[in-house]
């Protein structure tokens, strides 16, 4: 969910509460801050003060162009404020689809001061957003980049699993106690991924027939899913598959290699 707050001193503030960003608008002379309560995911709430109806209409039109008419909540007041020269045009340039790559953040314009903060998925995105904002403004504006890079959903899962092997009883899909302890940690990580779709993939070593190993790997993936659902995950968010011995990490010539190949992988669906 996104909030856009307009303020009486040429202040534009956008609060990003969901997977998309929002924009905010304002005008110049006296500064007043406004904080917005959370609203439904995906909405853009624009509030504050602008000098005239033409400015309001222009900003609302730009927001609706970027986010969709039904996603914009208008809480703008008109009058008793003064905007800098060409302020509306500059604000319209700031409200663009690139903002949608910011999560849980804010875009704020206070006169000629522009500040952006929030979470992005990579350093390249962080730099690109900041340079794009600066490039859309004239040299009288100052841009402060408070964006921070956060780990991707896949990185969160990989770091939680931490190269550990979820173990099962020999030749079966029955989880060991150590396997359950790892899954307790994975359940917590998965619950923090904001309803991402997850693939659980089972693998085996090459001991025995391929047909049996494919079936065993799928049974183990299903066993993991059952355990995670019991911990509160939504069944529809989890898909399972079994690769059997076809994708080994290491050679099956050693005990350690075979142990590492008998594994469960977690992948964020694309």
C-alpha atoms as a PDB file:
ATOM      1  CA  UNK A   1       0.000   0.000   0.000  1.00  0.00           C
ATOM      2  CA  UNK A   2       1.246   3.449  -0.782  1.00  0.00           C
ATOM      3  CA  UNK A   3       0.551   6.831   0.715  1.00  0.00           C
ATOM      4  CA  UNK A   4       1.118  10.115  -0.983  1.00  0.00           C
ATOM      5  CA  UNK A   5       1.051  13.101   1.314  1.00  0.00           C
ATOM      6  CA  UNK A   6       1.035  16.671   0.140  1.00  0.00           C
ATOM      7  CA  UNK A   7       2.194  19.329   2.551  1.00  0.00           C
ATOM      8  CA  UNK A   8       1.914  23.077   2.780  1.00  0.00           C
ATOM      9  CA  UNK A   9       5.581  23.896   2.146  1.00  0.00           C
ATOM     10  CA  UNK A  10       6.208  22.421  -1.216  1.00  0.00           C
ATOM     11  CA  UNK A  11       6.528  19.048   0.466  1.00  0.00           C
ATOM     12  CA  UNK A  12       5.764  15.864  -1.361  1.00  0.00           C
ATOM     13  CA  UNK A  13       5.945  12.630   0.622  1.00  0.00           C
ATOM     14  CA  UNK A  14       5.273   9.122  -0.621  1.00  0.00           C
ATOM     15  CA  UNK A  15       5.022   6.218   1.761  1.00  0.00           C
ATOM     16  CA  UNK A  16       5.399   2.740   0.283  1.00  0.00           C
ATOM     17  CA  UNK A  17       3.732  -0.030   2.243  1.00  0.00           C
ATOM     18  CA  UNK A  18       3.601  -2.758  -0.379  1.00  0.00           C
ATOM     19  CA  UNK A  19       5.441  -4.078  -3.369  1.00  0.00           C
ATOM     20  CA  UNK A  20       4.876  -0.793  -5.140  1.00  0.00           C
ATOM     21  CA  UNK A  21       5.856   2.725  -4.449  1.00  0.00           C
ATOM     22  CA  UNK A  22       3.701   5.783  -4.113  1.00  0.00           C
ATOM     23  CA  UNK A  23       4.176   9.438  -4.722  1.00  0.00           C
ATOM     24  CA  UNK A  24       3.262  12.550  -2.752  1.00  0.00           C
ATOM     25  CA  UNK A  25       2.836  16.149  -3.555  1.00  0.00           C
ATOM     26  CA  UNK A  26       3.107  19.541  -1.922  1.00  0.00           C
ATOM     27  CA  UNK A  27       3.595  23.273  -2.287  1.00  0.00           C
ATOM     28  CA  UNK A  28       5.872  25.892  -0.727  1.00  0.00           C
ATOM     29  CA  UNK A  29       5.901  28.410   2.108  1.00  0.00           C
ATOM     30  CA  UNK A  30       5.089  26.945   5.535  1.00  0.00           C
ATOM     31  CA  UNK A  31       6.028  23.346   6.344  1.00  0.00           C
ATOM     32  CA  UNK A  32       3.697  20.971   8.055  1.00  0.00           C
ATOM     33  CA  UNK A  33       4.235  17.237   8.321  1.00  0.00           C
ATOM     34  CA  UNK A  34       1.514  14.672   7.786  1.00  0.00           C
ATOM     35  CA  UNK A  35       1.618  10.992   8.647  1.00  0.00           C
ATOM     36  CA  UNK A  36      -0.742   8.544   7.018  1.00  0.00           C
ATOM     37  CA  UNK A  37      -2.337   5.431   8.500  1.00  0.00           C
ATOM     38  CA  UNK A  38      -1.945   2.190   6.645  1.00  0.00           C
ATOM     39  CA  UNK A  39      -4.467   1.470   3.895  1.00  0.00           C
ATOM     40  CA  UNK A  40      -5.172  -1.568   1.739  1.00  0.00           C
ATOM     41  CA  UNK A  41      -2.237  -3.090  -0.121  1.00  0.00           C
ATOM     42  CA  UNK A  42      -1.713  -1.582  -3.563  1.00  0.00           C
ATOM     43  CA  UNK A  43      -3.511   1.711  -2.911  1.00  0.00           C
ATOM     44  CA  UNK A  44      -1.907   5.121  -3.324  1.00  0.00           C
ATOM     45  CA  UNK A  45      -3.173   7.755  -0.914  1.00  0.00           C
ATOM     46  CA  UNK A  46      -2.289  11.307  -1.892  1.00  0.00           C
ATOM     47  CA  UNK A  47      -2.881  14.028   0.658  1.00  0.00           C
ATOM     48  CA  UNK A  48      -1.721  17.524   1.560  1.00  0.00           C
ATOM     49  CA  UNK A  49      -2.114  20.946  -0.006  1.00  0.00           C
ATOM     50  CA  UNK A  50      -1.548  22.339  -3.485  1.00  0.00           C
ATOM     51  CA  UNK A  51      -2.029  25.911  -4.691  1.00  0.00           C
ATOM     52  CA  UNK A  52      -4.819  25.362  -7.230  1.00  0.00           C
ATOM     53  CA  UNK A  53      -7.187  22.899  -8.879  1.00  0.00           C
ATOM     54  CA  UNK A  54      -4.993  22.663 -11.992  1.00  0.00           C
ATOM     55  CA  UNK A  55      -2.048  21.397  -9.922  1.00  0.00           C
ATOM     56  CA  UNK A  56      -4.267  18.897  -8.147  1.00  0.00           C
ATOM     57  CA  UNK A  57      -5.725  17.620 -11.422  1.00  0.00           C
ATOM     58  CA  UNK A  58      -2.275  17.259 -12.997  1.00  0.00           C
ATOM     59  CA  UNK A  59      -0.876  15.287 -10.074  1.00  0.00           C
ATOM     60  CA  UNK A  60      -3.895  13.028  -9.795  1.00  0.00           C
ATOM     61  CA  UNK A  61      -3.803  12.345 -13.531  1.00  0.00           C
ATOM     62  CA  UNK A  62      -0.145  11.360 -13.346  1.00  0.00           C
ATOM     63  CA  UNK A  63      -0.734   9.069 -10.372  1.00  0.00           C
ATOM     64  CA  UNK A  64      -3.655   7.376 -12.074  1.00  0.00           C
ATOM     65  CA  UNK A  65      -1.596   6.920 -15.219  1.00  0.00           C
ATOM     66  CA  UNK A  66       1.136   5.122 -13.258  1.00  0.00           C
ATOM     67  CA  UNK A  67      -0.923   3.176 -10.714  1.00  0.00           C
ATOM     68  CA  UNK A  68      -4.414   2.917 -12.213  1.00  0.00           C
ATOM     69  CA  UNK A  69      -7.504   4.987 -11.517  1.00  0.00           C
ATOM     70  CA  UNK A  70      -8.959   2.633  -8.946  1.00  0.00           C
ATOM     71  CA  UNK A  71      -5.760   2.572  -6.904  1.00  0.00           C
ATOM     72  CA  UNK A  72      -5.522   6.305  -6.140  1.00  0.00           C
ATOM     73  CA  UNK A  73      -7.258   7.786  -3.083  1.00  0.00           C
ATOM     74  CA  UNK A  74      -7.578  11.587  -3.310  1.00  0.00           C
ATOM     75  CA  UNK A  75      -7.135  13.479  -0.029  1.00  0.00           C
ATOM     76  CA  UNK A  76      -5.665  16.675  -1.491  1.00  0.00           C
ATOM     77  CA  UNK A  77      -6.712  20.130  -0.308  1.00  0.00           C
ATOM     78  CA  UNK A  78      -6.409  23.225  -2.503  1.00  0.00           C
ATOM     79  CA  UNK A  79      -5.350  26.773  -1.672  1.00  0.00           C
ATOM     80  CA  UNK A  80      -3.327  28.850   0.812  1.00  0.00           C
ATOM     81  CA  UNK A  81       0.031  27.458  -0.321  1.00  0.00           C
ATOM     82  CA  UNK A  82       2.611  28.512  -2.896  1.00  0.00           C
ATOM     83  CA  UNK A  83       4.638  26.116  -5.054  1.00  0.00           C
ATOM     84  CA  UNK A  84       8.113  26.796  -6.510  1.00  0.00           C
ATOM     85  CA  UNK A  85       8.427  27.599 -10.196  1.00  0.00           C
ATOM     86  CA  UNK A  86       7.641  24.581 -12.390  1.00  0.00           C
ATOM     87  CA  UNK A  87       7.089  22.520  -9.244  1.00  0.00           C
ATOM     88  CA  UNK A  88       4.156  20.566 -10.677  1.00  0.00           C
ATOM     89  CA  UNK A  89       6.149  19.512 -13.727  1.00  0.00           C
ATOM     90  CA  UNK A  90       9.024  18.303 -11.565  1.00  0.00           C
ATOM     91  CA  UNK A  91       6.718  16.347  -9.270  1.00  0.00           C
ATOM     92  CA  UNK A  92       5.018  14.704 -12.244  1.00  0.00           C
ATOM     93  CA  UNK A  93       8.419  13.485 -13.442  1.00  0.00           C
ATOM     94  CA  UNK A  94       9.142  12.009 -10.017  1.00  0.00           C
ATOM     95  CA  UNK A  95       5.919   9.991 -10.120  1.00  0.00           C
ATOM     96  CA  UNK A  96       6.964   7.250 -12.527  1.00  0.00           C
ATOM     97  CA  UNK A  97       6.896   3.443 -12.744  1.00  0.00           C
ATOM     98  CA  UNK A  98      10.456   3.169 -11.397  1.00  0.00           C
ATOM     99  CA  UNK A  99       9.063   3.929  -7.936  1.00  0.00           C
ATOM    100  CA  UNK A 100       7.393   0.514  -7.964  1.00  0.00           C
ATOM    101  CA  UNK A 101      10.755  -1.131  -7.267  1.00  0.00           C
ATOM    102  CA  UNK A 102      10.852   0.506  -3.801  1.00  0.00           C
ATOM    103  CA  UNK A 103       9.374  -1.400  -0.866  1.00  0.00           C
ATOM    104  CA  UNK A 104       8.405  -0.033   2.545  1.00  0.00           C
ATOM    105  CA  UNK A 105       9.784   3.417   1.832  1.00  0.00           C
ATOM    106  CA  UNK A 106       9.103   7.075   1.302  1.00  0.00           C
ATOM    107  CA  UNK A 107       9.654   9.714  -1.347  1.00  0.00           C
ATOM    108  CA  UNK A 108       9.580  13.222   0.101  1.00  0.00           C
ATOM    109  CA  UNK A 109       9.981  16.603  -1.600  1.00  0.00           C
ATOM    110  CA  UNK A 110      10.364  19.621   0.661  1.00  0.00           C
ATOM    111  CA  UNK A 111      10.752  22.653  -1.550  1.00  0.00           C
ATOM    112  CA  UNK A 112      13.869  21.842  -3.578  1.00  0.00           C
ATOM    113  CA  UNK A 113      14.944  19.021  -1.240  1.00  0.00           C
ATOM    114  CA  UNK A 114      14.122  15.491  -2.419  1.00  0.00           C
ATOM    115  CA  UNK A 115      14.671  12.485  -0.169  1.00  0.00           C
ATOM    116  CA  UNK A 116      13.993   8.857  -0.998  1.00  0.00           C
ATOM    117  CA  UNK A 117      14.265   5.906   1.379  1.00  0.00           C
ATOM    118  CA  UNK A 118      13.097   2.318   1.504  1.00  0.00           C
ATOM    119  CA  UNK A 119      14.145  -1.148   0.416  1.00  0.00           C
ATOM    120  CA  UNK A 120      15.337  -2.211  -3.030  1.00  0.00           C
ATOM    121  CA  UNK A 121      16.577  -5.558  -4.303  1.00  0.00           C
ATOM    122  CA  UNK A 122      20.053  -4.593  -5.523  1.00  0.00           C
ATOM    123  CA  UNK A 123      22.735  -1.911  -5.462  1.00  0.00           C
ATOM    124  CA  UNK A 124      22.196  -1.344  -9.184  1.00  0.00           C
ATOM    125  CA  UNK A 125      18.525  -0.562  -8.518  1.00  0.00           C
ATOM    126  CA  UNK A 126      19.450   1.767  -5.666  1.00  0.00           C
ATOM    127  CA  UNK A 127      21.865   3.754  -7.836  1.00  0.00           C
ATOM    128  CA  UNK A 128      19.552   3.781 -10.848  1.00  0.00           C
ATOM    129  CA  UNK A 129      16.626   5.147  -8.857  1.00  0.00           C
ATOM    130  CA  UNK A 130      18.676   7.913  -7.291  1.00  0.00           C
ATOM    131  CA  UNK A 131      20.243   8.982 -10.589  1.00  0.00           C
ATOM    132  CA  UNK A 132      16.851   8.836 -12.298  1.00  0.00           C
ATOM    133  CA  UNK A 133      15.349  11.119  -9.666  1.00  0.00           C
ATOM    134  CA  UNK A 134      18.253  13.572  -9.941  1.00  0.00           C
ATOM    135  CA  UNK A 135      18.053  13.508 -13.729  1.00  0.00           C
ATOM    136  CA  UNK A 136      14.376  14.454 -13.725  1.00  0.00           C
ATOM    137  CA  UNK A 137      15.033  17.650 -11.731  1.00  0.00           C
ATOM    138  CA  UNK A 138      16.906  20.864 -12.422  1.00  0.00           C
ATOM    139  CA  UNK A 139      20.184  21.686 -10.602  1.00  0.00           C
ATOM    140  CA  UNK A 140      18.409  23.715  -7.912  1.00  0.00           C
ATOM    141  CA  UNK A 141      17.119  20.460  -6.368  1.00  0.00           C
ATOM    142  CA  UNK A 142      19.122  18.368  -3.935  1.00  0.00           C
ATOM    143  CA  UNK A 143      18.563  14.590  -3.771  1.00  0.00           C
ATOM    144  CA  UNK A 144      19.270  12.482  -0.685  1.00  0.00           C
ATOM    145  CA  UNK A 145      19.407   8.740  -1.357  1.00  0.00           C
ATOM    146  CA  UNK A 146      18.359   6.762   1.718  1.00  0.00           C
ATOM    147  CA  UNK A 147      17.528   3.573  -0.161  1.00  0.00           C
ATOM    148  CA  UNK A 148      18.971   0.354   1.240  1.00  0.00           C
ATOM    149  CA  UNK A 149      19.547  -2.982  -0.412  1.00  0.00           C
ATOM    150  CA  UNK A 150      17.742  -5.926   1.164  1.00  0.00           C
ATOM    151  CA  UNK A 151      18.306  -9.599   0.571  1.00  0.00           C
ATOM    152  CA  UNK A 152      16.141 -11.204  -2.086  1.00  0.00           C
ATOM    153  CA  UNK A 153      13.557 -13.757  -1.049  1.00  0.00           C
ATOM    154  CA  UNK A 154      15.720 -16.531  -2.459  1.00  0.00           C
ATOM    155  CA  UNK A 155      18.747 -15.280  -0.524  1.00  0.00           C
ATOM    156  CA  UNK A 156      16.689 -15.352   2.681  1.00  0.00           C
ATOM    157  CA  UNK A 157      15.827 -19.012   2.097  1.00  0.00           C
ATOM    158  CA  UNK A 158      19.393 -19.946   1.175  1.00  0.00           C
ATOM    159  CA  UNK A 159      20.791 -18.212   4.234  1.00  0.00           C
ATOM    160  CA  UNK A 160      18.266 -19.901   6.525  1.00  0.00           C
ATOM    161  CA  UNK A 161      18.992 -23.368   5.166  1.00  0.00           C
ATOM    162  CA  UNK A 162      22.710 -22.499   5.342  1.00  0.00           C
ATOM    163  CA  UNK A 163      23.878 -25.559   3.363  1.00  0.00           C
ATOM    164  CA  UNK A 164      22.365 -27.907   5.927  1.00  0.00           C
ATOM    165  CA  UNK A 165      20.766 -31.178   4.833  1.00  0.00           C
ATOM    166  CA  UNK A 166      17.201 -31.935   5.919  1.00  0.00           C
ATOM    167  CA  UNK A 167      17.514 -35.574   6.856  1.00  0.00           C
ATOM    168  CA  UNK A 168      15.017 -38.448   6.707  1.00  0.00           C
ATOM    169  CA  UNK A 169      14.991 -41.934   8.086  1.00  0.00           C
ATOM    170  CA  UNK A 170      16.954 -44.321   5.877  1.00  0.00           C
ATOM    171  CA  UNK A 171      15.072 -45.126   2.662  1.00  0.00           C
ATOM    172  CA  UNK A 172      11.869 -43.370   3.757  1.00  0.00           C
ATOM    173  CA  UNK A 173      10.111 -39.997   3.755  1.00  0.00           C
ATOM    174  CA  UNK A 174       9.951 -39.876   7.561  1.00  0.00           C
ATOM    175  CA  UNK A 175      11.696 -36.746   8.866  1.00  0.00           C
ATOM    176  CA  UNK A 176      14.364 -37.098  11.539  1.00  0.00           C
ATOM    177  CA  UNK A 177      14.289 -34.841  14.592  1.00  0.00           C
ATOM    178  CA  UNK A 178      17.216 -32.826  13.231  1.00  0.00           C
ATOM    179  CA  UNK A 179      15.324 -32.410   9.953  1.00  0.00           C
ATOM    180  CA  UNK A 180      12.300 -31.103  11.830  1.00  0.00           C
ATOM    181  CA  UNK A 181      14.420 -28.549  13.693  1.00  0.00           C
ATOM    182  CA  UNK A 182      15.721 -27.150  10.414  1.00  0.00           C
ATOM    183  CA  UNK A 183      12.183 -27.018   9.015  1.00  0.00           C
ATOM    184  CA  UNK A 184      11.026 -25.068  12.075  1.00  0.00           C
ATOM    185  CA  UNK A 185      13.504 -22.354  11.039  1.00  0.00           C
ATOM    186  CA  UNK A 186      12.500 -22.594   7.394  1.00  0.00           C
ATOM    187  CA  UNK A 187       8.828 -22.228   8.336  1.00  0.00           C
ATOM    188  CA  UNK A 188       9.559 -18.920  10.040  1.00  0.00           C
ATOM    189  CA  UNK A 189      11.557 -17.650   7.058  1.00  0.00           C
ATOM    190  CA  UNK A 190       8.836 -18.693   4.618  1.00  0.00           C
ATOM    191  CA  UNK A 191       6.136 -16.960   6.645  1.00  0.00           C
ATOM    192  CA  UNK A 192       8.083 -13.696   6.275  1.00  0.00           C
ATOM    193  CA  UNK A 193       8.171 -13.826   2.465  1.00  0.00           C
ATOM    194  CA  UNK A 194       4.855 -12.011   1.914  1.00  0.00           C
ATOM    195  CA  UNK A 195       2.914 -14.843   0.248  1.00  0.00           C
ATOM    196  CA  UNK A 196       5.579 -15.847  -2.247  1.00  0.00           C
ATOM    197  CA  UNK A 197       5.060 -19.089  -4.155  1.00  0.00           C
ATOM    198  CA  UNK A 198       7.618 -21.707  -3.147  1.00  0.00           C
ATOM    199  CA  UNK A 199       8.885 -24.840  -4.921  1.00  0.00           C
ATOM    200  CA  UNK A 200      10.099 -27.681  -2.695  1.00  0.00           C
ATOM    201  CA  UNK A 201      12.360 -30.025  -4.661  1.00  0.00           C
ATOM    202  CA  UNK A 202      13.488 -33.432  -3.429  1.00  0.00           C
ATOM    203  CA  UNK A 203      16.765 -35.106  -4.467  1.00  0.00           C
ATOM    204  CA  UNK A 204      18.398 -38.469  -3.748  1.00  0.00           C
ATOM    205  CA  UNK A 205      21.742 -40.154  -4.314  1.00  0.00           C
ATOM    206  CA  UNK A 206      22.112 -42.838  -6.974  1.00  0.00           C
ATOM    207  CA  UNK A 207      21.729 -45.842  -4.690  1.00  0.00           C
ATOM    208  CA  UNK A 208      19.018 -48.142  -6.052  1.00  0.00           C
ATOM    209  CA  UNK A 209      16.903 -47.690  -9.170  1.00  0.00           C
ATOM    210  CA  UNK A 210      16.126 -44.330 -10.688  1.00  0.00           C
ATOM    211  CA  UNK A 211      12.370 -45.001 -10.664  1.00  0.00           C
ATOM    212  CA  UNK A 212      12.401 -45.686  -6.936  1.00  0.00           C
ATOM    213  CA  UNK A 213      14.596 -42.666  -6.227  1.00  0.00           C
ATOM    214  CA  UNK A 214      12.362 -40.292  -8.180  1.00  0.00           C
ATOM    215  CA  UNK A 215       9.353 -41.529  -6.221  1.00  0.00           C
ATOM    216  CA  UNK A 216      11.262 -41.266  -2.921  1.00  0.00           C
ATOM    217  CA  UNK A 217      12.432 -37.725  -3.667  1.00  0.00           C
ATOM    218  CA  UNK A 218       8.862 -36.629  -4.402  1.00  0.00           C
ATOM    219  CA  UNK A 219       7.575 -38.331  -1.247  1.00  0.00           C
ATOM    220  CA  UNK A 220      10.198 -36.487   0.793  1.00  0.00           C
ATOM    221  CA  UNK A 221       9.245 -33.155  -0.777  1.00  0.00           C
ATOM    222  CA  UNK A 222       5.599 -33.877   0.042  1.00  0.00           C
ATOM    223  CA  UNK A 223       6.573 -34.783   3.609  1.00  0.00           C
ATOM    224  CA  UNK A 224       8.317 -31.422   3.974  1.00  0.00           C
ATOM    225  CA  UNK A 225       5.264 -29.618   2.593  1.00  0.00           C
ATOM    226  CA  UNK A 226       2.986 -31.440   5.052  1.00  0.00           C
ATOM    227  CA  UNK A 227       5.231 -30.429   7.945  1.00  0.00           C
ATOM    228  CA  UNK A 228       5.329 -26.766   6.850  1.00  0.00           C
ATOM    229  CA  UNK A 229       1.562 -26.606   6.329  1.00  0.00           C
ATOM    230  CA  UNK A 230       1.155 -27.896   9.883  1.00  0.00           C
ATOM    231  CA  UNK A 231       3.293 -24.924  10.930  1.00  0.00           C
ATOM    232  CA  UNK A 232       0.861 -22.488   9.319  1.00  0.00           C
ATOM    233  CA  UNK A 233       1.932 -22.145   5.686  1.00  0.00           C
ATOM    234  CA  UNK A 234      -0.755 -22.046   3.006  1.00  0.00           C
ATOM    235  CA  UNK A 235      -0.838 -25.310   0.990  1.00  0.00           C
ATOM    236  CA  UNK A 236      -1.632 -23.469  -2.243  1.00  0.00           C
ATOM    237  CA  UNK A 237       1.610 -21.465  -1.951  1.00  0.00           C
ATOM    238  CA  UNK A 238       3.788 -24.596  -2.076  1.00  0.00           C
ATOM    239  CA  UNK A 239       4.524 -26.819  -5.080  1.00  0.00           C
ATOM    240  CA  UNK A 240       6.527 -30.038  -4.833  1.00  0.00           C
ATOM    241  CA  UNK A 241       8.633 -32.078  -7.242  1.00  0.00           C
ATOM    242  CA  UNK A 242      11.139 -34.934  -7.115  1.00  0.00           C
ATOM    243  CA  UNK A 243      14.347 -35.038  -9.163  1.00  0.00           C
ATOM    244  CA  UNK A 244      15.616 -38.358  -7.855  1.00  0.00           C
ATOM    245  CA  UNK A 245      19.375 -38.794  -8.561  1.00  0.00           C
ATOM    246  CA  UNK A 246      19.425 -36.594 -11.678  1.00  0.00           C
ATOM    247  CA  UNK A 247      20.884 -33.394 -10.168  1.00  0.00           C
ATOM    248  CA  UNK A 248      23.712 -34.388  -7.795  1.00  0.00           C
ATOM    249  CA  UNK A 249      25.704 -31.678  -6.024  1.00  0.00           C
ATOM    250  CA  UNK A 250      28.726 -33.911  -5.476  1.00  0.00           C
ATOM    251  CA  UNK A 251      30.029 -37.243  -6.660  1.00  0.00           C
ATOM    252  CA  UNK A 252      28.156 -40.239  -5.285  1.00  0.00           C
ATOM    253  CA  UNK A 253      31.477 -42.071  -4.881  1.00  0.00           C
ATOM    254  CA  UNK A 254      31.822 -41.021  -1.211  1.00  0.00           C
ATOM    255  CA  UNK A 255      29.583 -41.254   1.833  1.00  0.00           C
ATOM    256  CA  UNK A 256      29.649 -37.464   2.243  1.00  0.00           C
ATOM    257  CA  UNK A 257      28.817 -36.917  -1.412  1.00  0.00           C
ATOM    258  CA  UNK A 258      25.826 -39.249  -1.202  1.00  0.00           C
ATOM    259  CA  UNK A 259      24.667 -37.521   1.998  1.00  0.00           C
ATOM    260  CA  UNK A 260      24.868 -34.076   0.405  1.00  0.00           C
ATOM    261  CA  UNK A 261      22.968 -35.283  -2.640  1.00  0.00           C
ATOM    262  CA  UNK A 262      20.075 -36.548  -0.501  1.00  0.00           C
ATOM    263  CA  UNK A 263      18.662 -33.081   0.006  1.00  0.00           C
ATOM    264  CA  UNK A 264      15.652 -30.760  -0.130  1.00  0.00           C
ATOM    265  CA  UNK A 265      15.841 -27.494  -2.039  1.00  0.00           C
ATOM    266  CA  UNK A 266      13.588 -24.451  -1.593  1.00  0.00           C
ATOM    267  CA  UNK A 267      13.096 -22.168  -4.564  1.00  0.00           C
ATOM    268  CA  UNK A 268      11.042 -18.993  -4.876  1.00  0.00           C
ATOM    269  CA  UNK A 269       8.815 -19.475  -7.921  1.00  0.00           C
ATOM    270  CA  UNK A 270       9.470 -17.123 -10.816  1.00  0.00           C
END
